[in-house]
Amino acid sequence: MPAEAMVEIAPATASMALARALSDAAAAVEQALDALLPRPEGPEARLFESMRYSALGGGKRMRAFLVLESARQFGVARQAALRVAAAIEMIHAYSLVHDDLPAMDNDALRRGKPTNHIAFDEATAILAGDALQCHAFTVLSEEETHPDPAVRIELVRAISRAAGPRGMCGGQMLDMLAERAAAPLDEAAIGRLQLLKTGKLIEVSAEAGAILGKAAPSQRHALAAYGRDVGAAFQIADDILDATASAEEAGKATGKDAGAGKATLVGLLGVDRARLQAERLIAQAKAHLDGFGERADLLRALADFTIARRH
């Protein structure tokens, strides 16, 4: 894609445009999820209700927005992008359901409402998480997602890698081990933990649109690099919120990282130095979009929003 002329946009204008775009994307993805998730009926109704409880009705939908916006760079059909966005949101929802379990973080509040295992029970929550993950890959593999089976296979490969043992699941294991480690993790080890646990799924969300659009390798790599840096900044911002925001602002319990001895850059560097690190990552992320011109302005605005948010 040839670079388009860059136009400076006032921060307030960019923020308003982003807020509208995020709201529109969240509504569209909510509709897609509602249509794709099983209805609570039959003997399995409780499982389906539990799946829908955690996948519908909340969250920033940042990963979904990244899919939609990266797909827009290449003129991908909106319905195809929405299916991929919904699938990634199902995987994200499954990870939160399991992350909140007593065996993991033992949280009682998520997105301002009781966590899944509190609203239902632990066994149902585990099954709901398992089912959300499986159903996501069913959606990705269906012809309605993309007519080219090679594209569908590449989506499944990239997303399963981001969510698997060398991605999100591996990062969760590192997080659990860090809590029991004899010595605190250094900056590089914390960075790797957070890259795997949070960053990989954000990275593949930004990359997914390029996969759908059969983009050139350089464009795919640029969007993946953007997503990787935004993901790292997002995690730092999340840790800053945990250290500084109230539960009402964050929509979940806060102050738990320090109490549990979790390894975070905020704990290692302090809030001010961690915030500077996040700002450097955001500047780097936006530089990866130089070849996309004005069309990527919402992705630039999202990068800025990542470290300015209060929830």
Protein backbone atom coordinates (compact mmCIF):
# COMPACT_ATOMS: atom_id res chain seq x y z
CA MET A 1 0.00 0.00 0.00
CA PRO A 2 1.57 3.35 -0.98
CA ALA A 3 2.05 5.78 1.87
CA GLU A 4 -0.52 8.54 2.00
CA ALA A 5 0.24 12.12 2.98
CA MET A 6 0.38 12.52 6.74
CA VAL A 7 -2.01 15.04 8.27
CA GLU A 8 -1.68 16.31 11.82
CA ILE A 9 -4.93 15.80 13.74
CA ALA A 10 -5.77 17.76 16.89
CA PRO A 11 -5.68 15.47 19.95
CA ALA A 12 -9.25 16.36 20.94
CA THR A 13 -10.53 15.59 17.44
CA ALA A 14 -8.65 12.28 17.34
CA SER A 15 -9.97 11.37 20.80
CA MET A 16 -13.57 12.07 19.80
CA ALA A 17 -13.21 10.11 16.56
CA LEU A 18 -11.67 7.21 18.46
CA ALA A 19 -14.43 7.23 21.09
CA ARG A 20 -17.08 7.00 18.34
CA ALA A 21 -15.17 4.30 16.48
CA LEU A 22 -14.63 2.23 19.64
CA SER A 23 -18.31 2.51 20.53
CA ASP A 24 -19.41 1.53 17.02
CA ALA A 25 -16.97 -1.38 16.92
CA ALA A 26 -18.03 -2.63 20.36
CA ALA A 27 -21.70 -2.58 19.32
CA ALA A 28 -20.96 -4.42 16.06
CA VAL A 29 -18.84 -7.06 17.80
CA GLU A 30 -21.49 -7.49 20.49
CA GLN A 31 -24.03 -8.27 17.74
CA ALA A 32 -21.61 -10.69 16.09
CA LEU A 33 -20.94 -12.48 19.37
CA ASP A 34 -24.65 -12.68 20.14
CA ALA A 35 -25.25 -14.30 16.76
CA LEU A 36 -22.29 -16.69 16.96
CA LEU A 37 -22.62 -17.92 20.56
CA PRO A 38 -25.04 -20.77 21.32
CA ARG A 39 -28.45 -19.79 22.74
CA PRO A 40 -29.22 -21.08 26.28
CA GLU A 41 -31.49 -24.00 25.43
CA GLY A 42 -31.57 -27.74 25.88
CA PRO A 43 -29.76 -29.75 28.57
CA GLU A 44 -26.57 -27.70 28.04
CA ALA A 45 -28.38 -24.40 28.68
CA ARG A 46 -26.39 -23.59 31.83
CA LEU A 47 -23.09 -23.94 29.95
CA PHE A 48 -24.30 -21.71 27.11
CA GLU A 49 -25.58 -19.13 29.60
CA SER A 50 -22.19 -19.13 31.35
CA MET A 51 -20.36 -18.65 28.04
CA ARG A 52 -22.58 -15.73 27.08
CA TYR A 53 -22.30 -14.21 30.58
CA SER A 54 -18.56 -13.68 30.16
CA ALA A 55 -18.37 -13.02 26.41
CA LEU A 56 -21.24 -10.52 26.11
CA GLY A 57 -22.03 -7.16 27.63
CA GLY A 58 -18.74 -5.62 28.63
CA GLY A 59 -15.10 -4.90 28.09
CA LYS A 60 -13.20 -2.38 26.01
CA ARG A 61 -13.20 -4.69 22.93
CA MET A 62 -9.72 -3.35 22.19
CA ARG A 63 -8.59 -6.59 20.54
CA ALA A 64 -11.70 -6.66 18.37
CA PHE A 65 -11.14 -3.03 17.40
CA LEU A 66 -7.58 -3.86 16.35
CA VAL A 67 -8.87 -6.65 14.10
CA LEU A 68 -11.45 -4.37 12.49
CA GLU A 69 -9.07 -1.46 11.98
CA SER A 70 -6.20 -3.58 10.67
CA ALA A 71 -8.64 -5.26 8.27
CA ARG A 72 -9.86 -1.85 7.12
CA GLN A 73 -6.35 -0.99 5.95
CA PHE A 74 -6.78 -3.62 3.21
CA GLY A 75 -10.47 -3.28 2.35
CA VAL A 76 -11.44 -6.59 3.99
CA ALA A 77 -15.17 -7.32 4.07
CA ARG A 78 -16.63 -6.09 7.35
CA GLN A 79 -18.45 -9.37 8.07
CA ALA A 80 -15.26 -11.39 7.75
CA ALA A 81 -13.40 -9.03 10.07
CA LEU A 82 -16.25 -9.14 12.60
CA ARG A 83 -16.14 -12.94 12.73
CA VAL A 84 -12.40 -12.89 13.45
CA ALA A 85 -12.85 -10.09 15.98
CA ALA A 86 -15.58 -12.09 17.73
CA ALA A 87 -13.41 -15.22 17.78
CA ILE A 88 -10.53 -13.35 19.42
CA GLU A 89 -12.94 -11.84 21.96
CA MET A 90 -14.12 -15.37 22.81
CA ILE A 91 -10.52 -16.42 23.44
CA HIS A 92 -9.93 -13.31 25.55
CA ALA A 93 -13.14 -14.00 27.52
CA TYR A 94 -12.10 -17.61 28.14
CA SER A 95 -8.74 -16.44 29.49
CA LEU A 96 -10.43 -14.04 31.91
CA VAL A 97 -12.84 -16.72 33.15
CA HIS A 98 -9.93 -19.01 33.94
CA ASP A 99 -7.70 -16.21 35.24
CA ASP A 100 -10.36 -15.26 37.81
CA LEU A 101 -10.67 -18.81 39.22
CA PRO A 102 -9.62 -19.52 42.83
CA ALA A 103 -6.69 -21.59 41.53
CA MET A 104 -5.39 -18.57 39.61
CA ASP A 105 -6.09 -14.99 40.75
CA ASN A 106 -9.18 -15.76 42.84
CA ASP A 107 -11.07 -12.62 41.78
CA ALA A 108 -14.72 -11.97 42.64
CA LEU A 109 -15.29 -8.95 40.35
CA ARG A 110 -14.80 -8.55 36.60
CA ARG A 111 -16.09 -5.67 34.48
CA GLY A 112 -18.11 -4.45 37.45
CA LYS A 113 -20.04 -7.70 37.97
CA PRO A 114 -19.42 -11.03 39.74
CA THR A 115 -16.86 -13.23 38.03
CA ASN A 116 -18.12 -16.32 36.23
CA HIS A 117 -17.32 -18.83 38.97
CA ILE A 118 -19.13 -16.63 41.50
CA ALA A 119 -22.19 -16.16 39.27
CA PHE A 120 -22.29 -19.87 38.37
CA ASP A 121 -19.79 -22.26 39.99
CA GLU A 122 -16.18 -23.28 39.47
CA ALA A 123 -16.88 -26.36 37.35
CA THR A 124 -19.25 -24.49 35.06
CA ALA A 125 -16.75 -21.62 34.73
CA ILE A 126 -14.00 -24.04 33.69
CA LEU A 127 -16.27 -25.65 31.09
CA ALA A 128 -17.43 -22.25 29.83
CA GLY A 129 -13.83 -21.17 29.31
CA ASP A 130 -12.98 -24.40 27.52
CA ALA A 131 -16.07 -24.09 25.31
CA LEU A 132 -15.38 -20.44 24.43
CA GLN A 133 -11.90 -21.33 23.26
CA CYS A 134 -13.09 -24.29 21.18
CA HIS A 135 -15.96 -22.32 19.68
CA ALA A 136 -13.60 -19.51 18.65
CA PHE A 137 -11.64 -21.89 16.44
CA THR A 138 -14.85 -23.31 14.99
CA VAL A 139 -15.75 -19.77 13.87
CA LEU A 140 -12.28 -19.16 12.44
CA SER A 141 -12.35 -22.40 10.45
CA GLU A 142 -15.72 -21.79 8.78
CA GLU A 143 -15.98 -20.66 5.16
CA GLU A 144 -18.02 -17.60 6.16
CA THR A 145 -14.86 -16.20 7.78
CA HIS A 146 -12.89 -16.29 4.50
CA PRO A 147 -13.43 -18.20 1.24
CA ASP A 148 -9.72 -19.08 0.98
CA PRO A 149 -8.90 -22.10 3.20
CA ALA A 150 -5.23 -21.06 3.28
CA VAL A 151 -6.24 -17.78 4.95
CA ARG A 152 -8.40 -19.63 7.48
CA ILE A 153 -5.55 -22.01 8.28
CA GLU A 154 -3.15 -19.10 8.76
CA LEU A 155 -5.61 -17.35 11.08
CA VAL A 156 -5.99 -20.52 13.16
CA ARG A 157 -2.20 -21.01 13.25
CA ALA A 158 -1.39 -17.41 14.23
CA ILE A 159 -4.14 -17.07 16.84
CA SER A 160 -3.60 -20.49 18.41
CA ARG A 161 0.12 -19.74 18.68
CA ALA A 162 -0.63 -16.40 20.38
CA ALA A 163 -3.00 -18.10 22.86
CA GLY A 164 -1.00 -21.27 23.47
CA PRO A 165 2.04 -22.47 25.42
CA ARG A 166 4.39 -19.93 23.82
CA GLY A 167 1.82 -17.18 24.18
CA MET A 168 -0.96 -16.40 26.63
CA CYS A 169 -0.95 -19.75 28.47
CA GLY A 170 2.83 -19.73 28.80
CA GLY A 171 2.68 -16.20 30.16
CA GLN A 172 0.14 -17.22 32.77
CA MET A 173 2.45 -20.03 33.86
CA LEU A 174 5.35 -17.58 34.19
CA ASP A 175 3.11 -15.26 36.21
CA MET A 176 2.22 -18.05 38.64
CA LEU A 177 5.87 -19.11 38.98
CA ALA A 178 6.95 -15.51 39.61
CA GLU A 179 4.68 -15.32 42.65
CA ARG A 180 6.59 -18.22 44.22
CA ALA A 181 10.08 -17.24 43.04
CA ALA A 182 12.79 -16.76 45.65
CA ALA A 183 14.00 -13.55 44.00
CA PRO A 184 12.02 -10.88 42.15
CA LEU A 185 12.11 -10.93 38.33
CA ASP A 186 14.28 -8.41 36.54
CA GLU A 187 12.99 -6.01 33.88
CA ALA A 188 13.71 -8.35 30.95
CA ALA A 189 11.94 -11.29 32.61
CA ILE A 190 8.90 -9.17 33.45
CA GLY A 191 8.81 -7.90 29.88
CA ARG A 192 8.80 -11.45 28.52
CA LEU A 193 6.11 -12.55 30.96
CA GLN A 194 3.85 -9.69 29.96
CA LEU A 195 4.57 -10.14 26.25
CA LEU A 196 3.36 -13.73 26.45
CA LYS A 197 0.47 -13.30 28.88
CA THR A 198 -1.10 -10.15 27.42
CA GLY A 199 0.91 -8.93 24.46
CA LYS A 200 0.71 -11.89 22.10
CA LEU A 201 -3.09 -11.80 21.76
CA ILE A 202 -3.03 -8.03 21.21
CA GLU A 203 -0.24 -8.46 18.66
CA VAL A 204 -2.14 -11.09 16.66
CA SER A 205 -5.30 -8.95 16.79
CA ALA A 206 -3.44 -6.19 14.94
CA GLU A 207 -1.91 -8.73 12.56
CA ALA A 208 -5.20 -10.52 11.81
CA GLY A 209 -6.46 -7.87 9.40
CA ALA A 210 -3.31 -8.25 7.32
CA ILE A 211 -3.81 -12.03 7.23
CA LEU A 212 -7.42 -11.56 6.10
CA GLY A 213 -6.30 -9.05 3.48
CA LYS A 214 -3.43 -11.22 2.18
CA ALA A 215 -1.14 -8.27 2.80
CA ALA A 216 2.52 -8.06 1.87
CA PRO A 217 4.86 -9.50 4.53
CA SER A 218 6.24 -6.04 5.32
CA GLN A 219 2.74 -4.70 6.05
CA ARG A 220 1.86 -7.72 8.16
CA HIS A 221 5.10 -7.37 10.14
CA ALA A 222 4.51 -3.63 10.67
CA LEU A 223 1.04 -4.21 12.11
CA ALA A 224 2.28 -7.06 14.29
CA ALA A 225 5.08 -4.83 15.62
CA TYR A 226 2.55 -2.07 16.29
CA GLY A 227 0.37 -4.54 18.20
CA ARG A 228 3.34 -5.87 20.16
CA ASP A 229 4.33 -2.39 21.38
CA VAL A 230 0.74 -1.37 22.11
CA GLY A 231 0.27 -4.62 24.03
CA ALA A 232 3.34 -3.95 26.17
CA ALA A 233 2.19 -0.39 26.89
CA PHE A 234 -1.34 -1.63 27.64
CA GLN A 235 -0.05 -4.02 30.29
CA ILE A 236 2.04 -1.30 31.94
CA ALA A 237 -1.01 0.98 31.94
CA ASP A 238 -3.08 -1.83 33.47
CA ASP A 239 -0.49 -2.28 36.21
CA ILE A 240 -0.46 1.47 36.88
CA LEU A 241 -4.25 1.39 37.22
CA ASP A 242 -3.99 -1.53 39.63
CA ALA A 243 -1.58 0.52 41.73
CA THR A 244 -3.38 3.88 41.56
CA ALA A 245 -7.08 3.52 40.60
CA SER A 246 -10.07 2.66 42.77
CA ALA A 247 -12.09 -0.51 42.19
CA GLU A 248 -14.94 1.68 40.94
CA GLU A 249 -12.72 3.30 38.30
CA ALA A 250 -11.17 0.04 37.16
CA GLY A 251 -14.32 -2.10 37.32
CA LYS A 252 -12.42 -4.78 39.21
CA ALA A 253 -10.48 -5.20 42.43
CA THR A 254 -7.30 -3.11 42.52
CA GLY A 255 -4.12 -3.21 44.59
CA LYS A 256 -3.97 -6.98 44.22
CA ASP A 257 -0.68 -7.13 42.31
CA ALA A 258 1.34 -5.66 45.16
CA GLY A 259 -0.57 -7.73 47.73
CA ALA A 260 0.09 -10.95 45.83
CA GLY A 261 3.71 -10.10 45.10
CA LYS A 262 3.10 -10.14 41.35
CA ALA A 263 5.96 -9.20 39.06
CA THR A 264 5.19 -5.91 37.31
CA LEU A 265 7.26 -3.09 35.87
CA VAL A 266 5.40 -0.71 38.17
CA GLY A 267 6.58 -2.69 41.16
CA LEU A 268 10.14 -2.79 39.83
CA LEU A 269 10.52 0.73 38.42
CA GLY A 270 7.85 2.74 40.22
CA VAL A 271 4.85 4.47 38.65
CA ASP A 272 6.69 7.40 37.04
CA ARG A 273 9.43 5.38 35.35
CA ALA A 274 6.93 2.74 34.24
CA ARG A 275 4.74 5.45 32.71
CA LEU A 276 7.76 6.81 30.78
CA GLN A 277 8.45 3.32 29.48
CA ALA A 278 4.84 3.02 28.30
CA GLU A 279 5.09 6.39 26.54
CA ARG A 280 8.24 5.27 24.71
CA LEU A 281 6.48 2.10 23.59
CA ILE A 282 3.53 4.10 22.25
CA ALA A 283 5.82 6.39 20.24
CA GLN A 284 7.50 3.29 18.82
CA ALA A 285 4.14 1.69 18.03
CA LYS A 286 2.95 4.71 16.07
CA ALA A 287 6.20 4.78 14.08
CA HIS A 288 5.37 1.29 12.75
CA LEU A 289 2.30 2.82 11.07
CA ASP A 290 4.22 5.36 8.98
CA GLY A 291 3.62 3.40 5.80
CA PHE A 292 -0.18 3.41 6.20
CA GLY A 293 -0.85 7.15 6.04
CA GLU A 294 -4.08 8.75 7.22
CA ARG A 295 -5.98 5.48 7.02
CA ALA A 296 -4.26 4.36 10.23
CA ASP A 297 -5.12 7.49 12.26
CA LEU A 298 -7.53 5.57 14.49
CA LEU A 299 -4.81 3.04 15.26
CA ARG A 300 -2.53 5.92 16.25
CA ALA A 301 -5.27 7.38 18.44
CA LEU A 302 -5.82 3.98 20.06
CA ALA A 303 -2.14 3.81 20.94
CA ASP A 304 -2.38 7.16 22.75
CA PHE A 305 -5.61 6.10 24.48
CA THR A 306 -3.93 2.94 25.78
CA ILE A 307 -1.90 4.88 28.34
CA ALA A 308 -4.42 7.69 28.97
CA ARG A 309 -7.35 5.47 30.00
CA ARG A 310 -8.69 5.22 33.57
CA HIS A 311 -10.42 1.84 33.25
